[in-house]
C-alpha atoms as a PDB file:
ATOM      1  CA  MET A   1      26.646 -86.890 -52.331  1.00  0.00           C
ATOM      2  CA  ASP A   2      25.210 -86.174 -55.764  1.00  0.00           C
ATOM      3  CA  LEU A   3      21.421 -86.008 -55.509  1.00  0.00           C
ATOM      4  CA  SER A   4      20.820 -84.614 -58.984  1.00  0.00           C
ATOM      5  CA  ARG A   5      19.213 -87.883 -60.103  1.00  0.00           C
ATOM      6  CA  ALA A   6      17.391 -88.632 -56.863  1.00  0.00           C
ATOM      7  CA  VAL A   7      13.694 -89.374 -57.175  1.00  0.00           C
ATOM      8  CA  TRP A   8      11.789 -87.505 -54.487  1.00  0.00           C
ATOM      9  CA  ARG A   9       8.325 -88.652 -53.415  1.00  0.00           C
ATOM     10  CA  LYS A  10       5.603 -87.419 -51.108  1.00  0.00           C
ATOM     11  CA  SER A  11       3.217 -89.555 -49.115  1.00  0.00           C
ATOM     12  CA  THR A  12      -0.017 -90.410 -50.855  1.00  0.00           C
ATOM     13  CA  ARG A  13      -1.668 -89.077 -47.689  1.00  0.00           C
ATOM     14  CA  SER A  14      -0.230 -85.592 -48.172  1.00  0.00           C
ATOM     15  CA  GLY A  15      -2.889 -82.946 -48.396  1.00  0.00           C
ATOM     16  CA  SER A  16      -2.977 -79.828 -50.519  1.00  0.00           C
ATOM     17  CA  SER A  17      -1.846 -77.549 -47.673  1.00  0.00           C
ATOM     18  CA  GLY A  18       1.806 -77.795 -48.714  1.00  0.00           C
ATOM     19  CA  ASN A  19       2.983 -79.030 -45.307  1.00  0.00           C
ATOM     20  CA  CYS A  20       4.714 -82.122 -46.625  1.00  0.00           C
ATOM     21  CA  VAL A  21       8.014 -83.881 -46.462  1.00  0.00           C
ATOM     22  CA  GLU A  22       9.580 -85.704 -49.370  1.00  0.00           C
ATOM     23  CA  VAL A  23      11.888 -88.700 -49.272  1.00  0.00           C
ATOM     24  CA  ALA A  24      14.474 -90.018 -51.698  1.00  0.00           C
ATOM     25  CA  THR A  25      16.343 -93.293 -51.408  1.00  0.00           C
ATOM     26  CA  PRO A  26      19.683 -93.164 -53.131  1.00  0.00           C
ATOM     27  CA  PRO A  27      21.832 -96.227 -52.355  1.00  0.00           C
ATOM     28  CA  GLN A  28      22.392 -96.922 -48.644  1.00  0.00           C
ATOM     29  CA  VAL A  29      20.631 -93.809 -47.290  1.00  0.00           C
ATOM     30  CA  VAL A  30      17.236 -92.153 -47.008  1.00  0.00           C
ATOM     31  CA  MET A  31      17.065 -88.398 -47.591  1.00  0.00           C
ATOM     32  CA  VAL A  32      14.244 -86.238 -46.191  1.00  0.00           C
ATOM     33  CA  ARG A  33      13.410 -82.637 -47.119  1.00  0.00           C
ATOM     34  CA  ASP A  34      10.659 -80.045 -46.855  1.00  0.00           C
ATOM     35  CA  SER A  35       8.601 -80.065 -50.056  1.00  0.00           C
ATOM     36  CA  LYS A  36       8.235 -76.266 -49.899  1.00  0.00           C
ATOM     37  CA  GLN A  37      12.021 -75.794 -49.860  1.00  0.00           C
ATOM     38  CA  PRO A  38      13.526 -78.418 -52.202  1.00  0.00           C
ATOM     39  CA  GLN A  39      16.872 -76.595 -52.270  1.00  0.00           C
ATOM     40  CA  GLY A  40      16.908 -76.175 -48.493  1.00  0.00           C
ATOM     41  CA  PRO A  41      18.415 -78.408 -45.819  1.00  0.00           C
ATOM     42  CA  MET A  42      17.935 -82.170 -45.900  1.00  0.00           C
ATOM     43  CA  LEU A  43      18.210 -84.905 -43.329  1.00  0.00           C
ATOM     44  CA  CYS A  44      20.143 -88.053 -44.138  1.00  0.00           C
ATOM     45  CA  PHE A  45      19.485 -91.405 -42.448  1.00  0.00           C
ATOM     46  CA  PHE A  46      21.169 -94.753 -42.877  1.00  0.00           C
ATOM     47  CA  HIS A  47      18.623 -97.246 -44.185  1.00  0.00           C
ATOM     48  CA  ASP A  48      18.535 -99.353 -41.005  1.00  0.00           C
ATOM     49  CA  ASP A  49      17.985 -96.246 -38.857  1.00  0.00           C
ATOM     50  CA  TRP A  50      15.138 -95.112 -41.126  1.00  0.00           C
ATOM     51  CA  VAL A  51      13.455 -98.527 -40.895  1.00  0.00           C
ATOM     52  CA  ALA A  52      13.741 -98.461 -37.094  1.00  0.00           C
ATOM     53  CA  PHE A  53      12.299 -94.918 -37.037  1.00  0.00           C
ATOM     54  CA  ILE A  54       9.302 -95.882 -39.190  1.00  0.00           C
ATOM     55  CA  GLN A  55       8.688 -99.037 -37.141  1.00  0.00           C
ATOM     56  CA  SER A  56       8.699 -97.031 -33.906  1.00  0.00           C
ATOM     57  CA  ILE A  57       6.183 -94.556 -35.338  1.00  0.00           C
ATOM     58  CA  LYS A  58       3.905 -97.368 -36.441  1.00  0.00           C
ATOM     59  CA  ALA A  59       4.167 -99.049 -33.044  1.00  0.00           C
ATOM     60  CA  GLY A  60       3.371 -95.790 -31.248  1.00  0.00           C
ATOM     61  CA  SER A  61       0.427 -94.934 -33.458  1.00  0.00           C
ATOM     62  CA  SER A  62      -1.113 -98.381 -33.063  1.00  0.00           C
ATOM     63  CA  GLN A  63      -1.060 -97.986 -29.266  1.00  0.00           C
ATOM     64  CA  ALA A  64      -2.978 -94.693 -29.291  1.00  0.00           C
END
């Protein structure tokens, strides 16, 4: 997959400590990487799986 034109973004809640992840959303997938190592390994999720993951995090955090 060619990610040369991917637009990577960090959460607006990321602090200045450098411990952040970045996401890019080329068609049909969501890519995740460590912001400190942009050339390092990346995780790839199908869009539906990413949505389910985010929904489960939100559900868990609202129950805390």
